Amino acid sequence: MKTYNLNEKIIFSSEKPIKRHFLNSKGFHNALICLKKGIEIPCHPEDYSVFLMVLQGKGIFTDINGEHILVQNQGIYIKKDEIRGIKAEEDLVILGIQDRSKGGKVK
């Protein structure tokens, strides 16, 4: 058994999103994504599905259905090859779980 303290992985940059990878396995890959208020990840497609869960803060998440405002304990699932984007309305900490079970490629 291995335990993880995600609080130790929270780091913000005023210039760019910070992504801290941890726990790789055959079927999934986890990362902690930290965005300072006002920082964004522009809309783009990815070749893997992902579940994004807000652990702290508030952000605007974009997918093929438009924009969604999510806060702590809310999440969104985005399918492989669909667009995704994030803008932090407050300092934002997100748990990202990439689905690697269907040929998704981790970058």
N, C-alpha and C. Protein backbone atom coordinates (compact mmCIF):
# COMPACT_ATOMS: atom_id res chain seq x y z
N MET A 1 0.85 -1.18 0.00
CA MET A 1 0.00 0.00 0.00
C MET A 1 0.89 1.23 0.00
N LYS A 2 0.46 2.24 -0.73
CA LYS A 2 1.16 3.52 -0.76
C LYS A 2 0.14 4.62 -0.52
N THR A 3 0.48 5.58 0.31
CA THR A 3 -0.41 6.72 0.56
C THR A 3 0.17 7.96 -0.11
N TYR A 4 -0.69 8.93 -0.37
CA TYR A 4 -0.30 10.16 -1.05
C TYR A 4 -0.85 11.35 -0.28
N ASN A 5 -0.01 12.34 -0.03
CA ASN A 5 -0.44 13.59 0.55
C ASN A 5 -0.44 14.64 -0.56
N LEU A 6 -1.60 14.87 -1.14
CA LEU A 6 -1.68 15.80 -2.27
C LEU A 6 -1.39 17.23 -1.87
N ASN A 7 -1.57 17.57 -0.60
CA ASN A 7 -1.25 18.93 -0.15
C ASN A 7 0.22 19.26 -0.39
N GLU A 8 1.08 18.25 -0.35
CA GLU A 8 2.50 18.48 -0.58
C GLU A 8 2.80 18.76 -2.05
N LYS A 9 1.88 18.45 -2.94
CA LYS A 9 2.08 18.62 -4.38
C LYS A 9 1.50 19.93 -4.91
N ILE A 10 0.81 20.70 -4.07
CA ILE A 10 0.18 21.94 -4.52
C ILE A 10 1.23 23.04 -4.64
N ILE A 11 1.41 23.48 -5.88
CA ILE A 11 2.34 24.58 -6.19
C ILE A 11 1.67 25.45 -7.25
N PHE A 12 1.69 26.76 -7.06
CA PHE A 12 1.10 27.69 -8.02
C PHE A 12 2.19 28.52 -8.68
N SER A 13 1.93 28.89 -9.93
CA SER A 13 2.79 29.80 -10.67
C SER A 13 1.90 30.92 -11.21
N SER A 14 2.38 32.14 -11.16
CA SER A 14 1.61 33.26 -11.70
C SER A 14 1.71 33.33 -13.22
N GLU A 15 2.50 32.43 -13.82
CA GLU A 15 2.72 32.47 -15.27
C GLU A 15 2.10 31.32 -16.04
N LYS A 16 1.95 30.14 -15.39
CA LYS A 16 1.49 28.97 -16.14
C LYS A 16 0.88 27.94 -15.19
N PRO A 17 0.10 27.00 -15.76
CA PRO A 17 -0.41 25.90 -14.94
C PRO A 17 0.74 25.00 -14.50
N ILE A 18 0.62 24.40 -13.33
CA ILE A 18 1.61 23.45 -12.83
C ILE A 18 0.94 22.08 -12.75
N LYS A 19 1.55 21.09 -13.39
CA LYS A 19 1.01 19.72 -13.40
C LYS A 19 2.00 18.81 -12.71
N ARG A 20 1.55 18.12 -11.65
CA ARG A 20 2.40 17.21 -10.88
C ARG A 20 1.85 15.80 -11.04
N HIS A 21 2.58 14.94 -11.75
CA HIS A 21 2.15 13.57 -11.99
C HIS A 21 2.45 12.68 -10.79
N PHE A 22 1.57 11.71 -10.57
CA PHE A 22 1.78 10.69 -9.54
C PHE A 22 0.88 9.50 -9.86
N LEU A 23 1.20 8.36 -9.31
CA LEU A 23 0.42 7.13 -9.43
C LEU A 23 0.07 6.76 -10.87
N ASN A 24 1.00 6.14 -11.53
CA ASN A 24 0.77 5.58 -12.86
C ASN A 24 0.41 4.11 -12.71
N SER A 25 -0.54 3.66 -13.50
CA SER A 25 -0.89 2.24 -13.50
C SER A 25 -1.28 1.85 -14.92
N LYS A 26 -1.54 0.59 -15.11
CA LYS A 26 -1.89 0.09 -16.43
C LYS A 26 -3.15 0.76 -17.00
N GLY A 27 -4.14 1.01 -16.17
CA GLY A 27 -5.42 1.54 -16.66
C GLY A 27 -5.64 3.03 -16.50
N PHE A 28 -4.84 3.68 -15.67
CA PHE A 28 -5.06 5.12 -15.46
C PHE A 28 -3.78 5.81 -15.02
N HIS A 29 -3.81 7.13 -15.11
CA HIS A 29 -2.68 7.97 -14.74
C HIS A 29 -3.26 9.18 -14.00
N ASN A 30 -2.66 9.55 -12.87
CA ASN A 30 -3.16 10.67 -12.07
C ASN A 30 -2.21 11.84 -12.09
N ALA A 31 -2.77 13.03 -12.05
CA ALA A 31 -1.97 14.25 -11.95
C ALA A 31 -2.74 15.28 -11.12
N LEU A 32 -1.99 16.10 -10.42
CA LEU A 32 -2.55 17.25 -9.71
C LEU A 32 -2.23 18.47 -10.57
N ILE A 33 -3.26 19.24 -10.90
CA ILE A 33 -3.10 20.41 -11.77
C ILE A 33 -3.45 21.65 -10.95
N CYS A 34 -2.53 22.60 -10.88
CA CYS A 34 -2.71 23.82 -10.09
C CYS A 34 -2.67 25.04 -11.00
N LEU A 35 -3.70 25.87 -10.92
CA LEU A 35 -3.76 27.10 -11.71
C LEU A 35 -4.04 28.27 -10.78
N LYS A 36 -3.18 29.27 -10.80
CA LYS A 36 -3.39 30.51 -10.06
C LYS A 36 -4.57 31.25 -10.70
N LYS A 37 -5.30 32.03 -9.92
CA LYS A 37 -6.43 32.80 -10.44
C LYS A 37 -6.03 33.55 -11.71
N GLY A 38 -6.85 33.40 -12.77
CA GLY A 38 -6.60 34.08 -14.03
C GLY A 38 -5.81 33.27 -15.04
N ILE A 39 -5.14 32.21 -14.59
CA ILE A 39 -4.37 31.36 -15.51
C ILE A 39 -5.32 30.41 -16.24
N GLU A 40 -5.01 30.12 -17.49
CA GLU A 40 -5.88 29.20 -18.23
C GLU A 40 -5.09 28.22 -19.07
N ILE A 41 -5.75 27.12 -19.37
CA ILE A 41 -5.27 26.14 -20.34
C ILE A 41 -6.23 26.29 -21.52
N PRO A 42 -5.74 26.80 -22.66
CA PRO A 42 -6.62 27.02 -23.82
C PRO A 42 -7.27 25.71 -24.29
N CYS A 43 -8.40 25.84 -24.95
CA CYS A 43 -9.11 24.68 -25.48
C CYS A 43 -8.24 23.94 -26.49
N HIS A 44 -8.22 22.62 -26.34
CA HIS A 44 -7.43 21.76 -27.22
C HIS A 44 -7.97 20.33 -27.10
N PRO A 45 -7.80 19.50 -28.13
CA PRO A 45 -8.17 18.09 -28.02
C PRO A 45 -7.02 17.30 -27.40
N GLU A 46 -7.33 16.16 -26.81
CA GLU A 46 -6.31 15.23 -26.29
C GLU A 46 -6.69 13.83 -26.73
N ASP A 47 -5.70 12.97 -26.82
CA ASP A 47 -5.95 11.60 -27.29
C ASP A 47 -6.19 10.62 -26.14
N TYR A 48 -6.79 11.13 -25.05
CA TYR A 48 -7.18 10.28 -23.93
C TYR A 48 -8.41 10.88 -23.26
N SER A 49 -9.20 10.04 -22.63
CA SER A 49 -10.33 10.50 -21.81
C SER A 49 -9.79 10.92 -20.46
N VAL A 50 -10.51 11.83 -19.80
CA VAL A 50 -10.04 12.30 -18.50
C VAL A 50 -11.23 12.68 -17.61
N PHE A 51 -11.09 12.40 -16.33
CA PHE A 51 -12.02 12.90 -15.32
C PHE A 51 -11.28 13.96 -14.54
N LEU A 52 -11.85 15.16 -14.45
CA LEU A 52 -11.26 16.28 -13.72
C LEU A 52 -12.13 16.61 -12.52
N MET A 53 -11.56 16.56 -11.33
CA MET A 53 -12.29 16.84 -10.08
C MET A 53 -11.67 18.06 -9.40
N VAL A 54 -12.49 19.05 -9.10
CA VAL A 54 -12.00 20.24 -8.40
C VAL A 54 -11.82 19.90 -6.92
N LEU A 55 -10.60 20.05 -6.44
CA LEU A 55 -10.31 19.83 -5.02
C LEU A 55 -10.36 21.13 -4.24
N GLN A 56 -10.07 22.23 -4.93
CA GLN A 56 -10.02 23.54 -4.26
C GLN A 56 -10.25 24.62 -5.31
N GLY A 57 -11.02 25.65 -4.95
CA GLY A 57 -11.19 26.80 -5.83
C GLY A 57 -12.39 26.71 -6.75
N LYS A 58 -12.33 27.50 -7.83
CA LYS A 58 -13.44 27.62 -8.78
C LYS A 58 -12.85 27.87 -10.16
N GLY A 59 -13.43 27.21 -11.17
CA GLY A 59 -12.92 27.40 -12.52
C GLY A 59 -13.99 27.21 -13.57
N ILE A 60 -13.66 27.68 -14.77
CA ILE A 60 -14.53 27.48 -15.92
C ILE A 60 -13.90 26.38 -16.76
N PHE A 61 -14.64 25.30 -16.95
CA PHE A 61 -14.18 24.15 -17.71
C PHE A 61 -14.95 24.12 -19.03
N THR A 62 -14.23 23.99 -20.12
CA THR A 62 -14.85 23.99 -21.44
C THR A 62 -14.73 22.60 -22.05
N ASP A 63 -15.84 22.12 -22.62
CA ASP A 63 -15.84 20.88 -23.38
C ASP A 63 -16.70 21.08 -24.62
N ILE A 64 -17.02 20.02 -25.34
CA ILE A 64 -17.80 20.18 -26.58
C ILE A 64 -19.20 20.74 -26.34
N ASN A 65 -19.68 20.70 -25.10
CA ASN A 65 -21.01 21.21 -24.77
C ASN A 65 -20.99 22.65 -24.28
N GLY A 66 -19.81 23.27 -24.21
CA GLY A 66 -19.73 24.66 -23.77
C GLY A 66 -18.95 24.82 -22.48
N GLU A 67 -19.27 25.89 -21.76
CA GLU A 67 -18.57 26.22 -20.51
C GLU A 67 -19.37 25.77 -19.30
N HIS A 68 -18.63 25.29 -18.28
CA HIS A 68 -19.24 24.82 -17.04
C HIS A 68 -18.44 25.40 -15.88
N ILE A 69 -19.11 26.04 -14.95
CA ILE A 69 -18.43 26.54 -13.75
C ILE A 69 -18.47 25.43 -12.71
N LEU A 70 -17.28 25.03 -12.25
CA LEU A 70 -17.17 23.97 -11.25
C LEU A 70 -16.44 24.49 -10.02
N VAL A 71 -16.88 24.00 -8.87
CA VAL A 71 -16.26 24.34 -7.59
C VAL A 71 -15.88 23.05 -6.87
N GLN A 72 -15.36 23.21 -5.68
CA GLN A 72 -14.87 22.07 -4.89
C GLN A 72 -15.87 20.91 -4.88
N ASN A 73 -15.34 19.70 -5.10
CA ASN A 73 -16.09 18.44 -5.10
C ASN A 73 -17.01 18.27 -6.31
N GLN A 74 -16.81 19.08 -7.35
CA GLN A 74 -17.53 18.88 -8.60
C GLN A 74 -16.52 18.43 -9.66
N GLY A 75 -17.00 17.63 -10.60
CA GLY A 75 -16.10 17.11 -11.62
C GLY A 75 -16.74 17.06 -12.99
N ILE A 76 -15.89 16.79 -13.98
CA ILE A 76 -16.34 16.68 -15.37
C ILE A 76 -15.56 15.57 -16.04
N TYR A 77 -16.24 14.80 -16.88
CA TYR A 77 -15.60 13.74 -17.66
C TYR A 77 -15.57 14.17 -19.11
N ILE A 78 -14.41 14.11 -19.73
CA ILE A 78 -14.25 14.52 -21.13
C ILE A 78 -13.67 13.34 -21.91
N LYS A 79 -14.33 12.99 -23.00
CA LYS A 79 -13.94 11.83 -23.79
C LYS A 79 -12.69 12.10 -24.64
N LYS A 80 -12.07 11.03 -25.05
CA LYS A 80 -10.90 11.07 -25.94
C LYS A 80 -11.21 11.90 -27.19
N ASP A 81 -10.25 12.70 -27.61
CA ASP A 81 -10.31 13.54 -28.82
C ASP A 81 -11.30 14.69 -28.75
N GLU A 82 -11.97 14.89 -27.61
CA GLU A 82 -12.85 16.05 -27.45
C GLU A 82 -12.05 17.22 -26.90
N ILE A 83 -12.49 18.44 -27.25
CA ILE A 83 -11.78 19.62 -26.76
C ILE A 83 -11.97 19.75 -25.25
N ARG A 84 -10.98 20.40 -24.64
CA ARG A 84 -11.04 20.70 -23.21
C ARG A 84 -10.22 21.94 -22.95
N GLY A 85 -10.68 22.72 -21.99
CA GLY A 85 -9.97 23.93 -21.58
C GLY A 85 -10.37 24.28 -20.16
N ILE A 86 -9.51 25.02 -19.47
CA ILE A 86 -9.77 25.39 -18.07
C ILE A 86 -9.30 26.82 -17.85
N LYS A 87 -10.10 27.61 -17.14
CA LYS A 87 -9.69 28.95 -16.69
C LYS A 87 -9.99 29.06 -15.21
N ALA A 88 -8.99 29.45 -14.43
CA ALA A 88 -9.14 29.56 -12.98
C ALA A 88 -9.82 30.88 -12.62
N GLU A 89 -10.98 30.81 -11.99
CA GLU A 89 -11.68 31.98 -11.46
C GLU A 89 -11.16 32.32 -10.06
N GLU A 90 -10.64 31.32 -9.38
CA GLU A 90 -9.96 31.43 -8.09
C GLU A 90 -8.76 30.51 -8.20
N ASP A 91 -7.83 30.59 -7.25
CA ASP A 91 -6.75 29.60 -7.24
C ASP A 91 -7.40 28.23 -7.30
N LEU A 92 -6.96 27.40 -8.22
CA LEU A 92 -7.67 26.17 -8.56
C LEU A 92 -6.74 24.96 -8.46
N VAL A 93 -7.19 23.93 -7.75
CA VAL A 93 -6.47 22.66 -7.65
C VAL A 93 -7.39 21.57 -8.16
N ILE A 94 -6.90 20.81 -9.15
CA ILE A 94 -7.71 19.80 -9.84
C ILE A 94 -6.99 18.46 -9.78
N LEU A 95 -7.75 17.41 -9.51
CA LEU A 95 -7.25 16.05 -9.65
C LEU A 95 -7.67 15.57 -11.03
N GLY A 96 -6.68 15.20 -11.85
CA GLY A 96 -6.96 14.68 -13.19
C GLY A 96 -6.67 13.20 -13.23
N ILE A 97 -7.64 12.42 -13.69
CA ILE A 97 -7.45 10.97 -13.83
C ILE A 97 -7.62 10.63 -15.31
N GLN A 98 -6.51 10.31 -15.97
CA GLN A 98 -6.53 9.96 -17.37
C GLN A 98 -6.86 8.49 -17.53
N ASP A 99 -7.77 8.21 -18.45
CA ASP A 99 -8.16 6.83 -18.76
C ASP A 99 -7.20 6.29 -19.81
N ARG A 100 -6.38 5.33 -19.42
CA ARG A 100 -5.41 4.74 -20.34
C ARG A 100 -5.86 3.35 -20.80
N SER A 101 -7.05 2.94 -20.42
CA SER A 101 -7.48 1.58 -20.71
C SER A 101 -7.88 1.36 -22.16
N LYS A 102 -8.14 2.42 -22.90
CA LYS A 102 -8.60 2.28 -24.29
C LYS A 102 -7.60 2.92 -25.26
N GLY A 103 -6.34 2.76 -24.96
CA GLY A 103 -5.33 3.26 -25.88
C GLY A 103 -4.98 4.72 -25.69
N GLY A 104 -5.46 5.35 -24.60
CA GLY A 104 -5.10 6.73 -24.34
C GLY A 104 -3.61 6.86 -24.12
N LYS A 105 -3.04 7.94 -24.58
CA LYS A 105 -1.60 8.15 -24.51
C LYS A 105 -1.30 9.23 -23.50
N VAL A 106 -0.45 8.94 -22.55
CA VAL A 106 -0.07 9.91 -21.53
C VAL A 106 1.04 10.79 -22.07
N LYS A 107 0.89 12.09 -21.87
CA LYS A 107 1.92 13.05 -22.32
C LYS A 107 2.64 13.62 -21.14
